[in-house]
C-alpha atoms as a PDB file:
ATOM      1  CA  MET A   1      -0.057  -0.114   0.062  1.00  0.00           C
ATOM      2  CA  LYS A   2       2.821   2.477   0.847  1.00  0.00           C
ATOM      3  CA  LYS A   3       4.357   1.648  -2.667  1.00  0.00           C
ATOM      4  CA  LEU A   4       1.133   2.414  -4.205  1.00  0.00           C
ATOM      5  CA  LEU A   5       1.048   5.811  -2.338  1.00  0.00           C
ATOM      6  CA  TYR A   6       4.791   6.850  -3.342  1.00  0.00           C
ATOM      7  CA  ILE A   7       3.850   5.962  -6.979  1.00  0.00           C
ATOM      8  CA  SER A   8       0.885   7.872  -6.909  1.00  0.00           C
ATOM      9  CA  THR A   9       2.210  10.827  -5.299  1.00  0.00           C
ATOM     10  CA  PHE A  10       5.167  10.829  -7.687  1.00  0.00           C
ATOM     11  CA  LEU A  11       3.018  10.799 -10.762  1.00  0.00           C
ATOM     12  CA  LEU A  12       0.909  13.442  -9.276  1.00  0.00           C
ATOM     13  CA  GLY A  13       4.028  15.647  -8.709  1.00  0.00           C
ATOM     14  CA  CYS A  14       5.310  14.922 -12.115  1.00  0.00           C
ATOM     15  CA  LEU A  15       1.988  15.747 -13.665  1.00  0.00           C
ATOM     16  CA  LEU A  16       1.730  19.161 -11.820  1.00  0.00           C
ATOM     17  CA  LEU A  17       5.116  20.122 -12.493  1.00  0.00           C
ATOM     18  CA  GLY A  18       4.691  19.297 -16.103  1.00  0.00           C
ATOM     19  CA  CYS A  19       1.463  21.412 -16.476  1.00  0.00           C
ATOM     20  CA  SER A  20       2.945  24.270 -14.745  1.00  0.00           C
ATOM     21  CA  SER A  21       6.304  24.778 -16.626  1.00  0.00           C
ATOM     22  CA  GLN A  22       6.586  26.636 -19.609  1.00  0.00           C
ATOM     23  CA  SER A  23       7.614  24.991 -22.655  1.00  0.00           C
ATOM     24  CA  LEU A  24      10.803  26.406 -24.534  1.00  0.00           C
ATOM     25  CA  GLU A  25       8.837  27.024 -27.699  1.00  0.00           C
ATOM     26  CA  GLU A  26       7.521  30.181 -25.739  1.00  0.00           C
ATOM     27  CA  VAL A  27       8.799  31.876 -22.603  1.00  0.00           C
ATOM     28  CA  GLN A  28       6.991  34.604 -20.845  1.00  0.00           C
ATOM     29  CA  GLY A  29       4.650  35.148 -24.030  1.00  0.00           C
ATOM     30  CA  LEU A  30       7.765  35.384 -26.147  1.00  0.00           C
ATOM     31  CA  GLY A  31       7.907  32.734 -29.011  1.00  0.00           C
ATOM     32  CA  LYS A  32      10.916  31.101 -30.277  1.00  0.00           C
ATOM     33  CA  GLU A  33      10.521  32.265 -33.724  1.00  0.00           C
ATOM     34  CA  GLU A  34       9.306  35.505 -33.151  1.00  0.00           C
ATOM     35  CA  ALA A  35      12.621  35.753 -30.946  1.00  0.00           C
ATOM     36  CA  ALA A  36      14.813  34.620 -33.508  1.00  0.00           C
ATOM     37  CA  GLN A  37      13.152  36.922 -36.066  1.00  0.00           C
ATOM     38  CA  ILE A  38      13.701  40.080 -33.428  1.00  0.00           C
ATOM     39  CA  ALA A  39      17.452  38.927 -33.016  1.00  0.00           C
ATOM     40  CA  ALA A  40      18.101  38.634 -36.641  1.00  0.00           C
ATOM     41  CA  ALA A  41      16.662  41.945 -37.409  1.00  0.00           C
ATOM     42  CA  ALA A  42      18.862  43.474 -34.621  1.00  0.00           C
ATOM     43  CA  VAL A  43      21.945  41.823 -36.296  1.00  0.00           C
ATOM     44  CA  ARG A  44      21.207  43.398 -39.560  1.00  0.00           C
ATOM     45  CA  GLN A  45      20.403  46.776 -37.896  1.00  0.00           C
ATOM     46  CA  TYR A  46      23.742  46.872 -35.516  1.00  0.00           C
ATOM     47  CA  TYR A  47      26.415  44.604 -37.560  1.00  0.00           C
ATOM     48  CA  GLN A  48      25.028  45.281 -41.095  1.00  0.00           C
ATOM     49  CA  VAL A  49      25.024  41.436 -41.674  1.00  0.00           C
ATOM     50  CA  ASP A  50      21.965  39.734 -43.255  1.00  0.00           C
ATOM     51  CA  VAL A  51      21.192  36.462 -41.297  1.00  0.00           C
ATOM     52  CA  ASP A  52      18.170  34.234 -41.233  1.00  0.00           C
ATOM     53  CA  THR A  53      16.928  31.627 -39.109  1.00  0.00           C
ATOM     54  CA  ILE A  54      17.080  28.871 -41.837  1.00  0.00           C
ATOM     55  CA  ASP A  55      19.410  26.209 -41.013  1.00  0.00           C
ATOM     56  CA  ARG A  56      19.795  27.268 -37.609  1.00  0.00           C
ATOM     57  CA  GLU A  57      18.959  25.614 -34.207  1.00  0.00           C
ATOM     58  CA  ILE A  58      16.912  28.145 -32.345  1.00  0.00           C
ATOM     59  CA  THR A  59      16.703  27.829 -28.472  1.00  0.00           C
ATOM     60  CA  LEU A  60      15.064  29.834 -25.971  1.00  0.00           C
ATOM     61  CA  GLU A  61      16.116  30.084 -22.211  1.00  0.00           C
ATOM     62  CA  ASP A  62      13.643  30.543 -19.258  1.00  0.00           C
ATOM     63  CA  PRO A  63      15.347  33.631 -17.150  1.00  0.00           C
ATOM     64  CA  SER A  64      13.521  32.340 -13.922  1.00  0.00           C
ATOM     65  CA  LYS A  65      15.704  28.942 -14.241  1.00  0.00           C
ATOM     66  CA  LEU A  66      18.994  30.828 -14.658  1.00  0.00           C
ATOM     67  CA  VAL A  67      19.420  32.419 -11.029  1.00  0.00           C
ATOM     68  CA  ASP A  68      22.566  33.484  -8.999  1.00  0.00           C
ATOM     69  CA  ALA A  69      23.496  31.190  -6.488  1.00  0.00           C
ATOM     70  CA  ALA A  70      24.244  33.844  -4.157  1.00  0.00           C
ATOM     71  CA  THR A  71      21.569  36.134  -4.320  1.00  0.00           C
ATOM     72  CA  GLY A  72      18.660  33.905  -5.854  1.00  0.00           C
ATOM     73  CA  LYS A  73      17.809  36.463  -8.561  1.00  0.00           C
ATOM     74  CA  PRO A  74      17.606  35.965 -12.317  1.00  0.00           C
ATOM     75  CA  ILE A  75      20.754  36.437 -13.940  1.00  0.00           C
ATOM     76  CA  TYR A  76      19.221  38.076 -17.032  1.00  0.00           C
ATOM     77  CA  LYS A  77      16.786  40.862 -17.208  1.00  0.00           C
ATOM     78  CA  GLY A  78      15.375  39.465 -20.539  1.00  0.00           C
ATOM     79  CA  ILE A  79      14.928  36.109 -22.238  1.00  0.00           C
ATOM     80  CA  PRO A  80      18.205  34.645 -23.898  1.00  0.00           C
ATOM     81  CA  VAL A  81      17.872  33.310 -27.521  1.00  0.00           C
ATOM     82  CA  HIS A  82      20.353  31.363 -29.531  1.00  0.00           C
ATOM     83  CA  ALA A  83      20.498  30.675 -33.440  1.00  0.00           C
ATOM     84  CA  VAL A  84      23.186  28.412 -34.258  1.00  0.00           C
ATOM     85  CA  LEU A  85      23.812  27.064 -37.577  1.00  0.00           C
ATOM     86  CA  THR A  86      23.300  23.287 -38.156  1.00  0.00           C
ATOM     87  CA  ARG A  87      25.416  23.093 -41.311  1.00  0.00           C
ATOM     88  CA  GLN A  88      29.128  23.720 -41.548  1.00  0.00           C
ATOM     89  CA  PRO A  89      29.886  27.281 -41.848  1.00  0.00           C
ATOM     90  CA  VAL A  90      31.758  28.836 -44.789  1.00  0.00           C
ATOM     91  CA  ASN A  91      33.855  31.907 -45.201  1.00  0.00           C
ATOM     92  CA  GLY A  92      32.316  35.035 -43.820  1.00  0.00           C
ATOM     93  CA  ASP A  93      29.080  33.298 -42.128  1.00  0.00           C
ATOM     94  CA  VAL A  94      27.839  34.214 -38.980  1.00  0.00           C
ATOM     95  CA  TYR A  95      27.866  30.696 -37.273  1.00  0.00           C
ATOM     96  CA  GLY A  96      25.687  31.984 -34.390  1.00  0.00           C
ATOM     97  CA  PHE A  97      23.831  34.814 -33.009  1.00  0.00           C
ATOM     98  CA  HIS A  98      22.731  35.370 -29.466  1.00  0.00           C
ATOM     99  CA  ALA A  99      20.352  38.224 -28.041  1.00  0.00           C
ATOM    100  CA  ILE A 100      18.480  38.956 -24.712  1.00  0.00           C
ATOM    101  CA  ILE A 101      15.342  40.240 -25.332  1.00  0.00           C
ATOM    102  CA  GLU A 102      12.771  42.128 -22.910  1.00  0.00           C
ATOM    103  CA  PRO A 103       9.610  40.132 -23.636  1.00  0.00           C
ATOM    104  CA  LYS A 104       7.206  42.827 -23.188  1.00  0.00           C
ATOM    105  CA  THR A 105       8.711  45.803 -25.146  1.00  0.00           C
ATOM    106  CA  LYS A 106      10.644  43.452 -27.434  1.00  0.00           C
ATOM    107  CA  GLN A 107      13.685  45.486 -26.947  1.00  0.00           C
ATOM    108  CA  VAL A 108      17.136  44.062 -27.479  1.00  0.00           C
ATOM    109  CA  LEU A 109      19.117  44.235 -24.273  1.00  0.00           C
ATOM    110  CA  SER A 110      22.254  42.220 -25.405  1.00  0.00           C
ATOM    111  CA  LEU A 111      23.363  41.030 -28.796  1.00  0.00           C
ATOM    112  CA  SER A 112      26.426  39.082 -29.990  1.00  0.00           C
ATOM    113  CA  ILE A 113      27.563  37.194 -33.189  1.00  0.00           C
ATOM    114  CA  ASP A 114      29.982  34.574 -33.735  1.00  0.00           C
ATOM    115  CA  ALA A 115      31.880  35.472 -37.126  1.00  0.00           C
ATOM    116  CA  ILE A 116      33.835  33.207 -39.009  1.00  0.00           C
ATOM    117  CA  GLY A 117      36.957  35.135 -40.436  1.00  0.00           C
ATOM    118  CA  LEU A 118      38.289  34.940 -44.076  1.00  0.00           C
ATOM    119  CA  ASN A 119      39.336  31.441 -45.069  1.00  0.00           C
ATOM    120  CA  GLY A 120      37.613  30.114 -42.099  1.00  0.00           C
ATOM    121  CA  GLU A 121      40.322  31.002 -39.960  1.00  0.00           C
ATOM    122  CA  LYS A 122      41.011  34.125 -37.504  1.00  0.00           C
ATOM    123  CA  ALA A 123      43.663  36.552 -38.172  1.00  0.00           C
ATOM    124  CA  THR A 124      46.778  36.210 -35.951  1.00  0.00           C
ATOM    125  CA  LYS A 125      47.936  39.839 -36.393  1.00  0.00           C
ATOM    126  CA  THR A 126      48.041  41.742 -33.001  1.00  0.00           C
ATOM    127  CA  ILE A 127      45.734  44.861 -32.781  1.00  0.00           C
ATOM    128  CA  ALA A 128      46.464  48.058 -30.607  1.00  0.00           C
ATOM    129  CA  ASP A 129      44.274  48.517 -27.622  1.00  0.00           C
ATOM    130  CA  ALA A 130      43.474  51.978 -28.803  1.00  0.00           C
ATOM    131  CA  ASP A 131      42.271  50.817 -32.254  1.00  0.00           C
ATOM    132  CA  LEU A 132      39.884  48.173 -30.472  1.00  0.00           C
ATOM    133  CA  GLU A 133      38.668  51.040 -28.028  1.00  0.00           C
ATOM    134  CA  LYS A 134      38.178  53.185 -31.093  1.00  0.00           C
ATOM    135  CA  ALA A 135      36.039  50.641 -32.876  1.00  0.00           C
ATOM    136  CA  ALA A 136      33.770  50.348 -29.567  1.00  0.00           C
ATOM    137  CA  ALA A 137      33.487  54.032 -29.247  1.00  0.00           C
ATOM    138  CA  GLU A 138      32.610  54.564 -33.025  1.00  0.00           C
ATOM    139  CA  PHE A 139      30.029  51.717 -32.545  1.00  0.00           C
ATOM    140  CA  ILE A 140      28.317  53.624 -29.935  1.00  0.00           C
ATOM    141  CA  ARG A 141      28.451  56.689 -32.075  1.00  0.00           C
ATOM    142  CA  THR A 142      26.855  55.328 -35.149  1.00  0.00           C
ATOM    143  CA  LYS A 143      24.447  53.230 -33.487  1.00  0.00           C
ATOM    144  CA  LYS A 144      23.478  55.781 -30.945  1.00  0.00           C
ATOM    145  CA  LEU A 145      23.450  53.313 -27.932  1.00  0.00           C
ATOM    146  CA  LEU A 146      24.072  56.101 -25.589  1.00  0.00           C
ATOM    147  CA  THR A 147      24.159  59.762 -25.671  1.00  0.00           C
ATOM    148  CA  PRO A 148      26.646  60.686 -28.198  1.00  0.00           C
ATOM    149  CA  SER A 149      28.064  63.905 -26.465  1.00  0.00           C
ATOM    150  CA  ALA A 150      28.165  62.540 -23.205  1.00  0.00           C
ATOM    151  CA  PHE A 151      29.527  58.987 -23.294  1.00  0.00           C
ATOM    152  CA  GLU A 152      32.790  58.102 -21.926  1.00  0.00           C
ATOM    153  CA  LEU A 153      34.912  54.913 -21.269  1.00  0.00           C
ATOM    154  CA  VAL A 154      34.615  53.662 -17.570  1.00  0.00           C
ATOM    155  CA  LYS A 155      36.799  50.619 -17.921  1.00  0.00           C
ATOM    156  CA  SER A 156      38.176  47.968 -20.237  1.00  0.00           C
ATOM    157  CA  SER A 157      39.028  44.055 -19.744  1.00  0.00           C
ATOM    158  CA  ASP A 158      42.501  42.989 -19.320  1.00  0.00           C
ATOM    159  CA  ALA A 159      44.200  41.821 -22.312  1.00  0.00           C
ATOM    160  CA  GLY A 160      45.867  38.322 -22.274  1.00  0.00           C
ATOM    161  CA  ALA A 161      47.599  35.849 -24.570  1.00  0.00           C
ATOM    162  CA  HIS A 162      44.613  33.864 -25.539  1.00  0.00           C
ATOM    163  CA  THR A 163      41.865  36.990 -25.367  1.00  0.00           C
ATOM    164  CA  THR A 164      39.726  36.581 -28.435  1.00  0.00           C
ATOM    165  CA  LYS A 165      37.559  39.590 -27.309  1.00  0.00           C
ATOM    166  CA  ARG A 166      37.962  42.820 -25.247  1.00  0.00           C
ATOM    167  CA  TYR A 167      35.403  44.362 -23.574  1.00  0.00           C
ATOM    168  CA  PHE A 168      34.919  48.041 -23.140  1.00  0.00           C
ATOM    169  CA  TYR A 169      32.484  49.524 -20.444  1.00  0.00           C
ATOM    170  CA  TYR A 170      30.998  52.771 -21.322  1.00  0.00           C
ATOM    171  CA  SER A 171      28.342  55.350 -19.533  1.00  0.00           C
ATOM    172  CA  ASP A 172      26.529  58.597 -20.459  1.00  0.00           C
ATOM    173  CA  GLY A 173      25.649  58.999 -16.639  1.00  0.00           C
ATOM    174  CA  GLN A 174      22.211  57.724 -17.209  1.00  0.00           C
ATOM    175  CA  ASN A 175      22.936  54.305 -19.020  1.00  0.00           C
ATOM    176  CA  ALA A 176      25.766  51.808 -19.207  1.00  0.00           C
ATOM    177  CA  VAL A 177      26.678  49.535 -22.245  1.00  0.00           C
ATOM    178  CA  ALA A 178      29.570  46.978 -22.296  1.00  0.00           C
ATOM    179  CA  ILE A 179      31.035  46.591 -26.051  1.00  0.00           C
ATOM    180  CA  GLY A 180      33.040  43.495 -27.137  1.00  0.00           C
ATOM    181  CA  VAL A 181      35.425  43.670 -29.973  1.00  0.00           C
ATOM    182  CA  ASP A 182      36.812  40.709 -31.652  1.00  0.00           C
ATOM    183  CA  THR A 183      40.642  41.073 -31.225  1.00  0.00           C
ATOM    184  CA  ASP A 184      41.142  39.195 -34.462  1.00  0.00           C
ATOM    185  CA  LEU A 185      38.596  40.656 -36.648  1.00  0.00           C
ATOM    186  CA  GLN A 186      38.666  44.058 -35.121  1.00  0.00           C
ATOM    187  CA  GLN A 187      35.023  44.533 -35.385  1.00  0.00           C
ATOM    188  CA  VAL A 188      32.411  44.743 -32.531  1.00  0.00           C
ATOM    189  CA  VAL A 189      30.755  41.494 -32.011  1.00  0.00           C
ATOM    190  CA  THR A 190      28.731  41.982 -28.934  1.00  0.00           C
ATOM    191  CA  PHE A 191      27.002  44.784 -26.835  1.00  0.00           C
ATOM    192  CA  THR A 192      24.869  44.475 -23.663  1.00  0.00           C
ATOM    193  CA  TYR A 193      22.934  47.179 -21.524  1.00  0.00           C
ATOM    194  CA  ASP A 194      23.682  47.174 -18.003  1.00  0.00           C
END
């Protein structure tokens, strides 16, 4: 009798958990395909690269399940979406693009691309920090991510021997944004509003 009670309780628990959890086809009212289209449009807008969702595995993450162990609060302010090629990338492809989208306003809070360099390889040349910072600042100006006349560099990440991205953190006094520049391609490949 106890065994039957345990099995019944287990099945009821599974049923209740299954019914209350959201499908990863949709998270907080944002559907997988809609999120991928928003991210693809942002890649075109910010990076001037045409991408689509064909031949890509699209995944959504539920931010309520991604929590900081110390605080118990969600790590992301929006919903992460990833679109990664299912086929072998060719020269100049964007292998994957990743965004964090605020579900109510559909605003892109973070966007990054995984770019494949010429000949499918990354360049090995060294680029001066000043050139990388210049690329980041120019991206902010041209895309109007912060107030153009008021933003300033707050800090930058350390350069290392195996560093493929350098991050530059800017603020205009009201908002802050982190810009990631690929050190080999010397192009901005990610930005995130803080």
